[in-house]
């Protein structure tokens, strides 16, 4: 598959101001993050809250500015010039986590879906209306002719998220950034939404960056996965390779946390028990060493992503020895 997006050494630090006279601290939201996205591929960015997943999405769309690093779309670097920003924002759309907050409650559904078409001056009024009906039908919101006149409060949570997906599809994007798109939906309709996204992804060869902490949905929808911890990619590879043969202790712990309980193993020790975090500078050396049960002296130096097998890379001193 051809590369459509490339991120190189992306860094974004935030200053967290101290309270009551305490010192300010630097939060390294993304720190030297590099990866590629291929045409028609689903790349999963996984990790717990605060690992930097959503920050990466915002940096790609240039809604916040990186401190350093480069982003290339179709081999062209994206900068802050108007033409460059228009190109990435037209070809790269976002699906947010909360379908209640990501659409304007005062706008009708037809206006919500047509808004990106108007912003980018695509088609006349009739052509935009036709495109709105088309994408609403694509996401199975029917009868579309009635849906366009409704307001968000008249729809269920699942229907609202389909509206968000329709809005993202309106511009026929090449990339969709899906930030926890099913986490706020009822369990009963999560599978429906994932099946719909998968169907549309294959039909139009859309490249997805799927952001989640849920490895179960990641395995269902994704093809490659990057595991993030405190702003660093600590393991990356084909999703079956990573999830069936995890090499980083943090990845192993994530998988262990979602494993279905086996009655025969209820009294056995888990393979990975994350330690209580130690009071050390997590940005010096391996970031996971403050909680890792396998920590050794060598972990005081930061490990590099090393190739294990084919496209499988891991950053860990212990498992690579």
Protein backbone atom coordinates (compact mmCIF):
# COMPACT_ATOMS: atom_id res chain seq x y z
CA UNK A 1 0.00 0.00 0.00
CA UNK A 2 1.16 3.54 -0.79
CA UNK A 3 1.97 5.93 2.03
CA UNK A 4 -0.57 8.75 2.36
CA UNK A 5 0.51 10.38 5.66
CA UNK A 6 3.87 10.55 7.40
CA UNK A 7 4.57 11.99 10.83
CA UNK A 8 8.20 12.68 11.74
CA UNK A 9 9.55 13.46 15.22
CA UNK A 10 6.40 15.22 16.39
CA UNK A 11 6.69 17.05 19.72
CA UNK A 12 4.16 19.01 21.72
CA UNK A 13 4.81 20.10 25.31
CA UNK A 14 2.35 21.84 27.61
CA UNK A 15 3.19 23.91 30.68
CA UNK A 16 1.09 22.93 33.68
CA UNK A 17 1.02 25.88 36.06
CA UNK A 18 1.46 25.12 39.73
CA UNK A 19 -1.10 26.15 42.33
CA UNK A 20 -0.52 28.03 45.58
CA UNK A 21 3.07 28.89 44.74
CA UNK A 22 4.14 25.41 43.60
CA UNK A 23 6.40 25.07 40.56
CA UNK A 24 5.09 24.74 37.04
CA UNK A 25 5.71 21.42 35.33
CA UNK A 26 6.17 20.43 31.70
CA UNK A 27 3.85 17.78 30.29
CA UNK A 28 5.30 16.08 27.22
CA UNK A 29 2.04 15.23 25.46
CA UNK A 30 3.82 13.91 22.37
CA UNK A 31 7.57 13.44 22.38
CA UNK A 32 9.42 12.45 19.20
CA UNK A 33 6.48 10.53 17.69
CA UNK A 34 6.97 9.11 14.18
CA UNK A 35 4.72 6.83 12.11
CA UNK A 36 3.26 6.37 8.64
CA UNK A 37 -0.29 5.78 7.41
CA UNK A 38 -0.89 3.90 4.17
CA UNK A 39 -3.67 4.38 1.66
CA UNK A 40 -6.76 2.40 2.70
CA UNK A 41 -5.22 1.34 6.03
CA UNK A 42 -6.62 1.51 9.55
CA UNK A 43 -3.90 2.47 12.02
CA UNK A 44 -4.86 2.27 15.68
CA UNK A 45 -3.37 4.64 18.26
CA UNK A 46 -3.98 2.94 21.61
CA UNK A 47 -3.12 3.72 25.20
CA UNK A 48 -4.61 4.98 28.44
CA UNK A 49 -5.85 8.53 29.01
CA UNK A 50 -3.03 11.04 28.87
CA UNK A 51 -0.87 9.01 26.49
CA UNK A 52 -1.06 11.65 23.75
CA UNK A 53 -3.48 10.01 21.30
CA UNK A 54 -5.89 12.92 20.85
CA UNK A 55 -3.06 15.45 20.83
CA UNK A 56 -1.58 13.69 17.79
CA UNK A 57 -4.91 14.03 15.95
CA UNK A 58 -5.10 17.76 16.73
CA UNK A 59 -1.52 18.24 15.56
CA UNK A 60 -2.23 16.50 12.25
CA UNK A 61 -5.22 18.79 11.61
CA UNK A 62 -3.16 21.79 12.75
CA UNK A 63 -5.81 22.79 15.28
CA UNK A 64 -2.85 23.13 17.65
CA UNK A 65 0.72 23.79 16.60
CA UNK A 66 3.57 21.36 17.18
CA UNK A 67 6.70 22.53 18.99
CA UNK A 68 8.76 20.61 16.44
CA UNK A 69 8.42 17.83 13.89
CA UNK A 70 6.95 17.47 10.40
CA UNK A 71 3.74 16.14 8.88
CA UNK A 72 3.59 15.05 5.25
CA UNK A 73 0.39 14.43 3.30
CA UNK A 74 0.87 12.71 -0.05
CA UNK A 75 4.60 13.52 0.16
CA UNK A 76 4.00 17.25 0.65
CA UNK A 77 4.84 18.85 3.98
CA UNK A 78 1.89 20.50 5.71
CA UNK A 79 2.76 23.98 6.97
CA UNK A 80 0.75 26.93 8.21
CA UNK A 81 0.13 28.50 4.82
CA UNK A 82 -3.55 28.84 3.85
CA UNK A 83 -3.28 26.55 0.80
CA UNK A 84 -1.52 23.85 2.80
CA UNK A 85 -4.04 24.01 5.65
CA UNK A 86 -6.97 23.84 3.24
CA UNK A 87 -5.52 20.73 1.64
CA UNK A 88 -5.11 18.78 4.89
CA UNK A 89 -8.44 19.92 6.33
CA UNK A 90 -10.34 19.05 3.18
CA UNK A 91 -8.75 15.62 2.84
CA UNK A 92 -8.58 14.76 6.53
CA UNK A 93 -11.76 14.81 8.62
CA UNK A 94 -12.43 14.16 12.30
CA UNK A 95 -14.99 12.09 14.19
CA UNK A 96 -15.10 13.16 17.82
CA UNK A 97 -15.87 11.02 20.84
CA UNK A 98 -18.98 12.81 22.10
CA UNK A 99 -21.86 12.97 19.59
CA UNK A 100 -23.68 15.36 21.94
CA UNK A 101 -20.97 18.04 22.00
CA UNK A 102 -19.51 17.71 18.49
CA UNK A 103 -22.54 19.04 16.61
CA UNK A 104 -24.39 22.34 17.02
CA UNK A 105 -27.73 21.71 18.78
CA UNK A 106 -29.24 24.81 17.14
CA UNK A 107 -28.63 23.61 13.58
CA UNK A 108 -30.74 21.21 11.56
CA UNK A 109 -29.08 17.97 10.46
CA UNK A 110 -29.02 19.03 6.81
CA UNK A 111 -27.13 22.23 7.69
CA UNK A 112 -24.70 20.35 9.94
CA UNK A 113 -23.73 17.90 7.19
CA UNK A 114 -23.55 20.56 4.47
CA UNK A 115 -21.43 22.98 6.53
CA UNK A 116 -18.02 21.62 5.40
CA UNK A 117 -19.19 21.78 1.77
CA UNK A 118 -20.09 25.44 2.22
CA UNK A 119 -16.81 26.24 4.01
CA UNK A 120 -14.79 24.77 1.14
CA UNK A 121 -17.15 26.26 -1.48
CA UNK A 122 -17.97 22.93 -3.09
CA UNK A 123 -20.90 22.85 -5.51
CA UNK A 124 -23.99 25.03 -5.64
CA UNK A 125 -26.92 24.85 -3.23
CA UNK A 126 -28.67 22.08 -5.18
CA UNK A 127 -25.50 19.97 -5.48
CA UNK A 128 -24.78 20.36 -1.77
CA UNK A 129 -28.33 19.29 -0.89
CA UNK A 130 -27.97 16.21 -3.09
CA UNK A 131 -24.65 15.35 -1.46
CA UNK A 132 -26.19 15.66 2.02
CA UNK A 133 -28.98 13.22 1.11
CA UNK A 134 -26.40 10.86 -0.39
CA UNK A 135 -24.15 10.70 2.68
CA UNK A 136 -27.09 10.38 5.09
CA UNK A 137 -28.19 7.36 3.11
CA UNK A 138 -24.61 6.03 3.18
CA UNK A 139 -24.62 6.06 6.99
CA UNK A 140 -28.10 4.51 7.02
CA UNK A 141 -30.02 7.50 8.36
CA UNK A 142 -33.29 7.18 6.53
CA UNK A 143 -35.57 8.54 5.31
CA UNK A 144 -32.86 11.13 4.67
CA UNK A 145 -35.41 13.64 3.35
CA UNK A 146 -36.97 13.72 6.82
CA UNK A 147 -33.74 13.51 8.80
CA UNK A 148 -32.35 16.73 7.25
CA UNK A 149 -35.09 18.77 8.92
CA UNK A 150 -34.58 17.34 12.40
CA UNK A 151 -32.49 18.84 15.21
CA UNK A 152 -29.85 16.84 17.13
CA UNK A 153 -32.02 16.54 20.27
CA UNK A 154 -34.56 14.62 18.20
CA UNK A 155 -32.05 11.83 17.49
CA UNK A 156 -30.54 9.08 19.63
CA UNK A 157 -26.85 9.00 20.53
CA UNK A 158 -26.14 6.41 17.86
CA UNK A 159 -27.98 8.47 15.23
CA UNK A 160 -26.05 11.59 16.21
CA UNK A 161 -22.76 9.77 15.76
CA UNK A 162 -23.93 8.70 12.30
CA UNK A 163 -24.55 12.40 11.58
CA UNK A 164 -20.96 13.13 12.64
CA UNK A 165 -19.76 10.35 10.33
CA UNK A 166 -21.91 11.73 7.48
CA UNK A 167 -20.41 15.19 7.99
CA UNK A 168 -16.91 13.69 7.84
CA UNK A 169 -17.77 11.83 4.61
CA UNK A 170 -19.35 14.84 2.88
CA UNK A 171 -16.03 16.10 1.49
CA UNK A 172 -14.97 12.61 0.32
CA UNK A 173 -11.86 12.69 2.53
CA UNK A 174 -8.84 10.44 2.07
CA UNK A 175 -8.20 10.23 5.83
CA UNK A 176 -10.57 10.10 8.81
CA UNK A 177 -9.34 10.62 12.36
CA UNK A 178 -11.75 8.73 14.63
CA UNK A 179 -11.21 9.70 18.27
CA UNK A 180 -12.96 7.10 20.47
CA UNK A 181 -15.95 7.14 18.08
CA UNK A 182 -17.94 4.39 19.82
CA UNK A 183 -16.92 4.75 23.47
CA UNK A 184 -19.99 6.84 24.42
CA UNK A 185 -22.48 4.67 22.56
CA UNK A 186 -24.54 1.89 24.09
CA UNK A 187 -22.83 -1.48 23.89
CA UNK A 188 -25.69 -2.80 21.77
CA UNK A 189 -25.00 -0.33 18.93
CA UNK A 190 -21.20 -0.15 19.05
CA UNK A 191 -20.86 -3.16 16.76
CA UNK A 192 -23.29 -1.60 14.26
CA UNK A 193 -21.24 1.61 14.14
CA UNK A 194 -17.97 -0.27 13.73
CA UNK A 195 -19.43 -2.43 10.96
CA UNK A 196 -20.65 0.70 9.17
CA UNK A 197 -17.27 2.40 9.45
CA UNK A 198 -15.52 -0.74 8.22
CA UNK A 199 -17.91 -1.03 5.27
CA UNK A 200 -17.36 2.60 4.22
CA UNK A 201 -13.61 2.38 4.79
CA UNK A 202 -13.31 -0.55 2.40
CA UNK A 203 -15.77 0.86 -0.14
CA UNK A 204 -13.94 4.16 -0.55
CA UNK A 205 -10.42 3.07 0.51
CA UNK A 206 -10.39 5.66 3.27
CA UNK A 207 -7.36 5.65 5.56
CA UNK A 208 -8.34 5.72 9.24
CA UNK A 209 -6.43 6.70 12.34
CA UNK A 210 -8.54 5.02 15.00
CA UNK A 211 -7.87 6.39 18.49
CA UNK A 212 -8.94 4.20 21.38
CA UNK A 213 -8.12 2.63 24.72
CA UNK A 214 -10.33 -0.35 23.88
CA UNK A 215 -8.18 -3.14 22.43
CA UNK A 216 -11.25 -5.26 21.66
CA UNK A 217 -12.64 -2.75 19.14
CA UNK A 218 -9.09 -2.01 17.97
CA UNK A 219 -8.58 -5.63 16.97
CA UNK A 220 -11.92 -5.75 15.17
CA UNK A 221 -11.36 -2.57 13.14
CA UNK A 222 -7.60 -2.06 12.92
CA UNK A 223 -4.81 -3.43 10.75
CA UNK A 224 -1.76 -1.94 12.46
CA UNK A 225 -1.48 -0.64 16.02
CA UNK A 226 0.80 1.80 17.83
CA UNK A 227 0.82 1.63 21.64
CA UNK A 228 1.49 4.98 23.32
CA UNK A 229 2.62 5.67 26.86
CA UNK A 230 3.19 9.20 28.16
CA UNK A 231 3.66 10.68 24.70
CA UNK A 232 5.90 7.92 23.32
CA UNK A 233 5.22 5.04 20.94
CA UNK A 234 6.53 2.05 22.87
CA UNK A 235 5.35 -0.72 20.51
CA UNK A 236 4.05 -0.75 16.93
CA UNK A 237 3.24 -3.41 14.36
CA UNK A 238 0.56 -5.46 12.65
CA UNK A 239 -2.34 -5.70 15.05
CA UNK A 240 -2.34 -9.49 15.30
CA UNK A 241 1.41 -9.55 15.88
CA UNK A 242 1.25 -7.00 18.67
CA UNK A 243 -1.85 -8.34 20.42
CA UNK A 244 -0.96 -12.04 20.20
CA UNK A 245 2.75 -11.59 20.90
CA UNK A 246 3.16 -8.36 22.91
CA UNK A 247 6.76 -7.59 23.74
CA UNK A 248 6.49 -4.48 25.90
CA UNK A 249 5.36 -4.97 29.53
CA UNK A 250 2.86 -2.13 29.19
CA UNK A 251 1.24 -3.70 26.13
CA UNK A 252 1.08 -7.03 27.97
CA UNK A 253 -0.60 -5.31 30.91
CA UNK A 254 -3.19 -3.63 28.67
CA UNK A 255 -4.11 -6.97 27.11
CA UNK A 256 -4.20 -8.67 30.50
CA UNK A 257 -6.61 -6.00 31.78
CA UNK A 258 -9.23 -6.83 29.12
CA UNK A 259 -8.82 -10.60 29.05
CA UNK A 260 -11.99 -12.48 29.83
CA UNK A 261 -11.79 -14.26 33.18
CA UNK A 262 -11.21 -18.00 32.99
CA UNK A 263 -12.66 -19.93 35.97
CA UNK A 264 -9.60 -22.20 35.94
CA UNK A 265 -7.26 -19.23 36.32
CA UNK A 266 -9.11 -17.19 38.95
CA UNK A 267 -6.62 -18.08 41.68
CA UNK A 268 -3.51 -17.78 39.53
CA UNK A 269 -1.22 -14.76 39.48
CA UNK A 270 -1.55 -12.46 36.52
CA UNK A 271 1.45 -12.37 34.20
CA UNK A 272 1.86 -8.63 34.58
CA UNK A 273 1.16 -6.66 37.73
CA UNK A 274 1.94 -2.99 37.24
CA UNK A 275 3.67 -1.54 40.28
CA UNK A 276 2.57 1.57 42.12
CA UNK A 277 4.14 4.54 40.39
CA UNK A 278 7.46 5.64 41.90
CA UNK A 279 8.20 9.28 42.57
CA UNK A 280 10.78 9.73 39.81
CA UNK A 281 11.16 11.92 36.73
CA UNK A 282 9.24 9.84 34.17
CA UNK A 283 10.78 11.78 31.29
CA UNK A 284 14.26 10.50 32.08
CA UNK A 285 14.99 7.03 30.76
CA UNK A 286 12.19 4.57 29.99
CA UNK A 287 8.85 6.23 30.76
CA UNK A 288 7.30 3.03 32.02
CA UNK A 289 10.06 2.24 34.50
CA UNK A 290 8.19 3.99 37.33
CA UNK A 291 5.53 1.24 37.16
CA UNK A 292 7.28 -1.65 35.43
CA UNK A 293 7.70 -4.93 37.40
CA UNK A 294 10.79 -5.83 35.32
CA UNK A 295 12.74 -2.59 35.76
CA UNK A 296 16.55 -2.91 35.72
CA UNK A 297 19.39 -0.41 35.98
CA UNK A 298 19.61 -0.09 32.20
CA UNK A 299 16.07 1.37 32.14
CA UNK A 300 17.51 4.70 33.33
CA UNK A 301 18.40 5.26 29.66
CA UNK A 302 15.66 5.68 27.08
CA UNK A 303 15.19 2.63 24.80
CA UNK A 304 14.79 3.01 21.05
CA UNK A 305 12.16 1.30 18.92
CA UNK A 306 13.92 -1.84 17.71
CA UNK A 307 12.73 -4.23 15.01
CA UNK A 308 11.53 -7.60 16.31
CA UNK A 309 9.84 -9.19 13.31
CA UNK A 310 8.66 -7.85 9.94
CA UNK A 311 6.80 -4.66 10.93
CA UNK A 312 6.86 -5.30 14.67
CA UNK A 313 8.92 -2.78 16.71
CA UNK A 314 9.31 -2.43 20.47
CA UNK A 315 11.11 -0.02 22.82
CA UNK A 316 12.13 -2.04 25.88
CA UNK A 317 15.57 -2.90 27.29
CA UNK A 318 14.35 -5.99 29.11
CA UNK A 319 12.31 -7.85 26.48
CA UNK A 320 14.86 -7.17 23.75
CA UNK A 321 17.84 -8.56 25.66
